[in-house]
PDB file of all heavy atoms in Angstrom:
ATOM      1  N   TYR A   1      18.831   4.539  -6.576  1.00  0.00           N
ATOM      2  CA  TYR A   1      18.264   5.362  -7.638  1.00  0.00           C
ATOM      3  C   TYR A   1      18.367   6.848  -7.307  1.00  0.00           C
ATOM      4  O   TYR A   1      18.590   7.680  -8.198  1.00  0.00           O
ATOM      5  CB  TYR A   1      16.815   4.974  -7.902  1.00  0.00           C
ATOM      6  CG  TYR A   1      16.670   3.633  -8.592  1.00  0.00           C
ATOM      7  CD1 TYR A   1      15.885   2.619  -8.045  1.00  0.00           C
ATOM      8  CD2 TYR A   1      17.341   3.372  -9.787  1.00  0.00           C
ATOM      9  CE1 TYR A   1      15.763   1.388  -8.674  1.00  0.00           C
ATOM     10  CE2 TYR A   1      17.226   2.146 -10.426  1.00  0.00           C
ATOM     11  CZ  TYR A   1      16.433   1.159  -9.870  1.00  0.00           C
ATOM     12  OH  TYR A   1      16.322  -0.048 -10.494  1.00  0.00           O
ATOM     13  N   GLU A   2      18.236   7.189  -6.040  1.00  0.00           N
ATOM     14  CA  GLU A   2      18.380   8.587  -5.648  1.00  0.00           C
ATOM     15  C   GLU A   2      19.803   9.074  -5.901  1.00  0.00           C
ATOM     16  O   GLU A   2      20.007  10.211  -6.348  1.00  0.00           O
ATOM     17  CB  GLU A   2      18.002   8.763  -4.181  1.00  0.00           C
ATOM     18  CG  GLU A   2      16.502   8.594  -3.926  1.00  0.00           C
ATOM     19  CD  GLU A   2      16.128   8.662  -2.457  1.00  0.00           C
ATOM     20  OE1 GLU A   2      17.022   8.437  -1.605  1.00  0.00           O
ATOM     21  OE2 GLU A   2      14.951   8.923  -2.169  1.00  0.00           O
ATOM     22  N   LYS A   3      20.788   8.209  -5.647  1.00  0.00           N
ATOM     23  CA  LYS A   3      22.180   8.579  -5.908  1.00  0.00           C
ATOM     24  C   LYS A   3      22.436   8.767  -7.398  1.00  0.00           C
ATOM     25  O   LYS A   3      23.357   9.487  -7.796  1.00  0.00           O
ATOM     26  CB  LYS A   3      23.118   7.509  -5.348  1.00  0.00           C
ATOM     27  CG  LYS A   3      23.204   7.503  -3.832  1.00  0.00           C
ATOM     28  CD  LYS A   3      24.137   6.407  -3.336  1.00  0.00           C
ATOM     29  CE  LYS A   3      24.201   6.402  -1.816  1.00  0.00           C
ATOM     30  NZ  LYS A   3      25.064   5.291  -1.302  1.00  0.00           N
ATOM     31  N   CYS A   4      21.613   8.099  -8.211  1.00  0.00           N
ATOM     32  CA  CYS A   4      21.747   8.230  -9.668  1.00  0.00           C
ATOM     33  C   CYS A   4      21.033   9.471 -10.191  1.00  0.00           C
ATOM     34  O   CYS A   4      21.024   9.717 -11.406  1.00  0.00           O
ATOM     35  CB  CYS A   4      21.190   6.980 -10.355  1.00  0.00           C
ATOM     36  SG  CYS A   4      22.174   5.486 -10.102  1.00  0.00           S
ATOM     37  N   GLY A   5      20.423  10.232  -9.283  1.00  0.00           N
ATOM     38  CA  GLY A   5      19.774  11.472  -9.681  1.00  0.00           C
ATOM     39  C   GLY A   5      18.275  11.385  -9.878  1.00  0.00           C
ATOM     40  O   GLY A   5      17.640  12.374 -10.268  1.00  0.00           O
ATOM     41  N   MET A   6      17.684  10.220  -9.588  1.00  0.00           N
ATOM     42  CA  MET A   6      16.238  10.074  -9.736  1.00  0.00           C
ATOM     43  C   MET A   6      15.523  10.768  -8.576  1.00  0.00           C
ATOM     44  O   MET A   6      16.016  10.768  -7.444  1.00  0.00           O
ATOM     45  CB  MET A   6      15.841   8.593  -9.767  1.00  0.00           C
ATOM     46  CG  MET A   6      16.504   7.776 -10.863  1.00  0.00           C
ATOM     47  SD  MET A   6      16.026   8.254 -12.536  1.00  0.00           S
ATOM     48  CE  MET A   6      14.291   7.803 -12.533  1.00  0.00           C
ATOM     49  N   THR A   7      14.377  11.372  -8.860  1.00  0.00           N
ATOM     50  CA  THR A   7      13.569  12.023  -7.833  1.00  0.00           C
ATOM     51  C   THR A   7      12.140  11.478  -7.894  1.00  0.00           C
ATOM     52  O   THR A   7      11.732  10.883  -8.890  1.00  0.00           O
ATOM     53  CB  THR A   7      13.542  13.550  -8.023  1.00  0.00           C
ATOM     54  OG1 THR A   7      13.024  13.852  -9.335  1.00  0.00           O
ATOM     55  CG2 THR A   7      14.936  14.137  -7.887  1.00  0.00           C
ATOM     56  N   THR A   8      11.391  11.699  -6.815  1.00  0.00           N
ATOM     57  CA  THR A   8      10.027  11.184  -6.736  1.00  0.00           C
ATOM     58  C   THR A   8       9.087  12.013  -7.597  1.00  0.00           C
ATOM     59  O   THR A   8       9.000  13.229  -7.453  1.00  0.00           O
ATOM     60  CB  THR A   8       9.528  11.193  -5.282  1.00  0.00           C
ATOM     61  OG1 THR A   8      10.383  10.359  -4.486  1.00  0.00           O
ATOM     62  CG2 THR A   8       8.109  10.649  -5.204  1.00  0.00           C
ATOM     63  N   GLN A   9       8.361  11.336  -8.472  1.00  0.00           N
ATOM     64  CA  GLN A   9       7.363  11.983  -9.320  1.00  0.00           C
ATOM     65  C   GLN A   9       5.977  11.904  -8.688  1.00  0.00           C
ATOM     66  O   GLN A   9       5.218  12.854  -8.658  1.00  0.00           O
ATOM     67  CB  GLN A   9       7.329  11.313 -10.696  1.00  0.00           C
ATOM     68  CG  GLN A   9       6.337  11.928 -11.670  1.00  0.00           C
ATOM     69  CD  GLN A   9       6.122  11.051 -12.890  1.00  0.00           C
ATOM     70  OE1 GLN A   9       5.533   9.980 -12.798  1.00  0.00           O
ATOM     71  NE2 GLN A   9       6.630  11.499 -14.039  1.00  0.00           N
ATOM     72  N   ARG A  10       5.640  10.737  -8.172  1.00  0.00           N
ATOM     73  CA  ARG A  10       4.355  10.518  -7.514  1.00  0.00           C
ATOM     74  C   ARG A  10       4.504   9.345  -6.567  1.00  0.00           C
ATOM     75  O   ARG A  10       5.495   8.610  -6.619  1.00  0.00           O
ATOM     76  CB  ARG A  10       3.251  10.221  -8.538  1.00  0.00           C
ATOM     77  CG  ARG A  10       3.496   8.957  -9.331  1.00  0.00           C
ATOM     78  CD  ARG A  10       2.387   8.720 -10.340  1.00  0.00           C
ATOM     79  NE  ARG A  10       2.698   7.552 -11.146  1.00  0.00           N
ATOM     80  CZ  ARG A  10       2.561   7.495 -12.458  1.00  0.00           C
ATOM     81  NH1 ARG A  10       2.137   8.555 -13.128  1.00  0.00           N
ATOM     82  NH2 ARG A  10       2.844   6.404 -13.123  1.00  0.00           N
ATOM     83  N   ARG A  11       3.522   9.146  -5.710  1.00  0.00           N
ATOM     84  CA  ARG A  11       3.563   8.045  -4.751  1.00  0.00           C
ATOM     85  C   ARG A  11       2.276   7.242  -4.786  1.00  0.00           C
ATOM     86  O   ARG A  11       1.200   7.794  -4.991  1.00  0.00           O
ATOM     87  CB  ARG A  11       3.779   8.574  -3.331  1.00  0.00           C
ATOM     88  CG  ARG A  11       5.122   9.240  -3.119  1.00  0.00           C
ATOM     89  CD  ARG A  11       5.317   9.597  -1.657  1.00  0.00           C
ATOM     90  NE  ARG A  11       6.580  10.258  -1.438  1.00  0.00           N
ATOM     91  CZ  ARG A  11       7.048  10.574  -0.239  1.00  0.00           C
ATOM     92  NH1 ARG A  11       6.324  10.304   0.845  1.00  0.00           N
ATOM     93  NH2 ARG A  11       8.215  11.177  -0.103  1.00  0.00           N
ATOM     94  N   ILE A  12       2.403   5.945  -4.587  1.00  0.00           N
ATOM     95  CA  ILE A  12       1.244   5.087  -4.370  1.00  0.00           C
ATOM     96  C   ILE A  12       1.177   4.832  -2.871  1.00  0.00           C
ATOM     97  O   ILE A  12       2.120   4.310  -2.276  1.00  0.00           O
ATOM     98  CB  ILE A  12       1.376   3.764  -5.135  1.00  0.00           C
ATOM     99  CG1 ILE A  12       1.324   4.032  -6.644  1.00  0.00           C
ATOM    100  CG2 ILE A  12       0.259   2.797  -4.746  1.00  0.00           C
ATOM    101  CD1 ILE A  12       1.462   2.799  -7.496  1.00  0.00           C
ATOM    102  N   MET A  13       0.087   5.238  -2.261  1.00  0.00           N
ATOM    103  CA  MET A  13      -0.055   5.125  -0.820  1.00  0.00           C
ATOM    104  C   MET A  13      -0.785   3.831  -0.452  1.00  0.00           C
ATOM    105  O   MET A  13      -1.459   3.228  -1.288  1.00  0.00           O
ATOM    106  CB  MET A  13      -0.826   6.329  -0.272  1.00  0.00           C
ATOM    107  CG  MET A  13      -0.329   7.669  -0.781  1.00  0.00           C
ATOM    108  SD  MET A  13       1.362   8.044  -0.264  1.00  0.00           S
ATOM    109  CE  MET A  13       1.062   8.569   1.426  1.00  0.00           C
ATOM    110  N   GLU A  14      -0.655   3.414   0.785  1.00  0.00           N
ATOM    111  CA  GLU A  14      -1.387   2.250   1.244  1.00  0.00           C
ATOM    112  C   GLU A  14      -1.874   2.469   2.665  1.00  0.00           C
ATOM    113  O   GLU A  14      -1.318   3.269   3.409  1.00  0.00           O
ATOM    114  CB  GLU A  14      -0.529   0.976   1.164  1.00  0.00           C
ATOM    115  CG  GLU A  14       0.594   0.893   2.167  1.00  0.00           C
ATOM    116  CD  GLU A  14       1.360  -0.413   2.083  1.00  0.00           C
ATOM    117  OE1 GLU A  14       1.081  -1.215   1.181  1.00  0.00           O
ATOM    118  OE2 GLU A  14       2.251  -0.629   2.912  1.00  0.00           O
ATOM    119  N   LYS A  15      -2.924   1.727   3.013  1.00  0.00           N
ATOM    120  CA  LYS A  15      -3.485   1.813   4.356  1.00  0.00           C
ATOM    121  C   LYS A  15      -3.975   0.436   4.773  1.00  0.00           C
ATOM    122  O   LYS A  15      -4.571  -0.294   3.976  1.00  0.00           O
ATOM    123  CB  LYS A  15      -4.653   2.804   4.394  1.00  0.00           C
ATOM    124  CG  LYS A  15      -5.237   2.980   5.799  1.00  0.00           C
ATOM    125  CD  LYS A  15      -6.260   4.079   5.820  1.00  0.00           C
ATOM    126  CE  LYS A  15      -6.807   4.272   7.227  1.00  0.00           C
ATOM    127  NZ  LYS A  15      -5.763   4.664   8.197  1.00  0.00           N
ATOM    128  N   ILE A  16      -3.737   0.102   6.038  1.00  0.00           N
ATOM    129  CA  ILE A  16      -4.219  -1.165   6.580  1.00  0.00           C
ATOM    130  C   ILE A  16      -5.494  -0.900   7.374  1.00  0.00           C
ATOM    131  O   ILE A  16      -5.509  -0.064   8.278  1.00  0.00           O
ATOM    132  CB  ILE A  16      -3.158  -1.826   7.473  1.00  0.00           C
ATOM    133  CG1 ILE A  16      -1.920  -2.173   6.632  1.00  0.00           C
ATOM    134  CG2 ILE A  16      -3.722  -3.084   8.134  1.00  0.00           C
ATOM    135  CD1 ILE A  16      -0.762  -2.729   7.435  1.00  0.00           C
ATOM    136  N   ILE A  17      -6.555  -1.576   7.000  1.00  0.00           N
ATOM    137  CA  ILE A  17      -7.846  -1.401   7.653  1.00  0.00           C
ATOM    138  C   ILE A  17      -8.217  -2.669   8.414  1.00  0.00           C
ATOM    139  O   ILE A  17      -8.169  -3.772   7.869  1.00  0.00           O
ATOM    140  CB  ILE A  17      -8.938  -1.094   6.605  1.00  0.00           C
ATOM    141  CG1 ILE A  17      -8.648   0.259   5.925  1.00  0.00           C
ATOM    142  CG2 ILE A  17     -10.324  -1.077   7.247  1.00  0.00           C
ATOM    143  CD1 ILE A  17      -9.643   0.623   4.852  1.00  0.00           C
ATOM    144  N   LYS A  18      -8.570  -2.507   9.678  1.00  0.00           N
ATOM    145  CA  LYS A  18      -9.028  -3.624  10.497  1.00  0.00           C
ATOM    146  C   LYS A  18     -10.510  -3.879  10.217  1.00  0.00           C
ATOM    147  O   LYS A  18     -11.316  -2.948  10.256  1.00  0.00           O
ATOM    148  CB  LYS A  18      -8.826  -3.320  11.982  1.00  0.00           C
ATOM    149  CG  LYS A  18      -7.362  -3.225  12.410  1.00  0.00           C
ATOM    150  CD  LYS A  18      -6.698  -4.590  12.409  1.00  0.00           C
ATOM    151  CE  LYS A  18      -5.278  -4.510  12.968  1.00  0.00           C
ATOM    152  NZ  LYS A  18      -4.624  -5.838  12.972  1.00  0.00           N
ATOM    153  N   ILE A  19     -10.840  -5.137   9.950  1.00  0.00           N
ATOM    154  CA  ILE A  19     -12.219  -5.490   9.604  1.00  0.00           C
ATOM    155  C   ILE A  19     -12.694  -6.648  10.483  1.00  0.00           C
ATOM    156  O   ILE A  19     -12.032  -7.685  10.559  1.00  0.00           O
ATOM    157  CB  ILE A  19     -12.323  -5.902   8.121  1.00  0.00           C
ATOM    158  CG1 ILE A  19     -11.801  -4.783   7.217  1.00  0.00           C
ATOM    159  CG2 ILE A  19     -13.764  -6.261   7.767  1.00  0.00           C
ATOM    160  CD1 ILE A  19     -11.706  -5.176   5.759  1.00  0.00           C
ATOM    161  N   GLU A  20     -13.828  -6.457  11.124  1.00  0.00           N
ATOM    162  CA  GLU A  20     -14.419  -7.517  11.935  1.00  0.00           C
ATOM    163  C   GLU A  20     -15.565  -8.189  11.172  1.00  0.00           C
ATOM    164  O   GLU A  20     -16.303  -7.534  10.443  1.00  0.00           O
ATOM    165  CB  GLU A  20     -14.963  -6.957  13.248  1.00  0.00           C
ATOM    166  CG  GLU A  20     -13.883  -6.528  14.222  1.00  0.00           C
ATOM    167  CD  GLU A  20     -14.458  -6.096  15.563  1.00  0.00           C
ATOM    168  OE1 GLU A  20     -15.700  -5.985  15.660  1.00  0.00           O
ATOM    169  OE2 GLU A  20     -13.678  -5.861  16.495  1.00  0.00           O
ATOM    170  N   GLY A  21     -15.691  -9.505  11.343  1.00  0.00           N
ATOM    171  CA  GLY A  21     -16.807 -10.227  10.749  1.00  0.00           C
ATOM    172  C   GLY A  21     -16.432 -11.136   9.595  1.00  0.00           C
ATOM    173  O   GLY A  21     -17.251 -11.933   9.139  1.00  0.00           O
ATOM    174  N   MET A  22     -15.196 -11.036   9.106  1.00  0.00           N
ATOM    175  CA  MET A  22     -14.770 -11.921   8.024  1.00  0.00           C
ATOM    176  C   MET A  22     -14.412 -13.292   8.617  1.00  0.00           C
ATOM    177  O   MET A  22     -13.669 -13.362   9.591  1.00  0.00           O
ATOM    178  CB  MET A  22     -13.551 -11.352   7.298  1.00  0.00           C
ATOM    179  CG  MET A  22     -13.795 -10.048   6.577  1.00  0.00           C
ATOM    180  SD  MET A  22     -12.367  -9.545   5.560  1.00  0.00           S
ATOM    181  CE  MET A  22     -11.081  -9.393   6.811  1.00  0.00           C
ATOM    182  N   SER A  23     -14.923 -14.354   8.009  1.00  0.00           N
ATOM    183  CA  SER A  23     -14.689 -15.683   8.572  1.00  0.00           C
ATOM    184  C   SER A  23     -14.221 -16.726   7.561  1.00  0.00           C
ATOM    185  O   SER A  23     -13.853 -17.830   7.944  1.00  0.00           O
ATOM    186  CB  SER A  23     -15.974 -16.187   9.243  1.00  0.00           C
ATOM    187  OG  SER A  23     -17.030 -16.258   8.295  1.00  0.00           O
ATOM    188  N   CYS A  24     -14.236 -16.376   6.261  1.00  0.00           N
ATOM    189  CA  CYS A  24     -13.883 -17.378   5.261  1.00  0.00           C
ATOM    190  C   CYS A  24     -13.344 -16.695   4.001  1.00  0.00           C
ATOM    191  O   CYS A  24     -13.342 -15.465   3.887  1.00  0.00           O
ATOM    192  CB  CYS A  24     -15.103 -18.233   4.907  1.00  0.00           C
ATOM    193  SG  CYS A  24     -16.448 -17.268   4.159  1.00  0.00           S
ATOM    194  N   GLN A  25     -12.908 -17.519   3.054  1.00  0.00           N
ATOM    195  CA  GLN A  25     -12.365 -16.982   1.806  1.00  0.00           C
ATOM    196  C   GLN A  25     -13.421 -16.237   1.000  1.00  0.00           C
ATOM    197  O   GLN A  25     -13.113 -15.303   0.265  1.00  0.00           O
ATOM    198  CB  GLN A  25     -11.771 -18.128   0.970  1.00  0.00           C
ATOM    199  CG  GLN A  25     -10.510 -18.743   1.549  1.00  0.00           C
ATOM    200  CD  GLN A  25      -9.378 -17.734   1.683  1.00  0.00           C
ATOM    201  OE1 GLN A  25      -9.247 -16.816   0.869  1.00  0.00           O
ATOM    202  NE2 GLN A  25      -8.553 -17.894   2.701  1.00  0.00           N
ATOM    203  N   HIS A  26     -14.662 -16.641   1.154  1.00  0.00           N
ATOM    204  CA  HIS A  26     -15.751 -15.943   0.453  1.00  0.00           C
ATOM    205  C   HIS A  26     -15.869 -14.510   0.976  1.00  0.00           C
ATOM    206  O   HIS A  26     -16.052 -13.561   0.196  1.00  0.00           O
ATOM    207  CB  HIS A  26     -17.069 -16.686   0.652  1.00  0.00           C
ATOM    208  CG  HIS A  26     -18.237 -16.012   0.014  1.00  0.00           C
ATOM    209  ND1 HIS A  26     -18.352 -15.836  -1.357  1.00  0.00           N
ATOM    210  CD2 HIS A  26     -19.362 -15.445   0.555  1.00  0.00           C
ATOM    211  CE1 HIS A  26     -19.474 -15.204  -1.629  1.00  0.00           C
ATOM    212  NE2 HIS A  26     -20.113 -14.957  -0.495  1.00  0.00           N
ATOM    213  N   CYS A  27     -15.748 -14.352   2.292  1.00  0.00           N
ATOM    214  CA  CYS A  27     -15.781 -13.000   2.888  1.00  0.00           C
ATOM    215  C   CYS A  27     -14.626 -12.164   2.344  1.00  0.00           C
ATOM    216  O   CYS A  27     -14.802 -10.999   1.971  1.00  0.00           O
ATOM    217  CB  CYS A  27     -15.672 -13.094   4.406  1.00  0.00           C
ATOM    218  SG  CYS A  27     -17.052 -13.926   5.217  1.00  0.00           S
TER     219      CYS A  27
END
């Protein structure tokens, strides 16, 4: 897409968070 001339308008960011205490699907 960049070769076709498209440029970035905005970004969706992500972050991985470590969580202690979860033990089941309900958690």
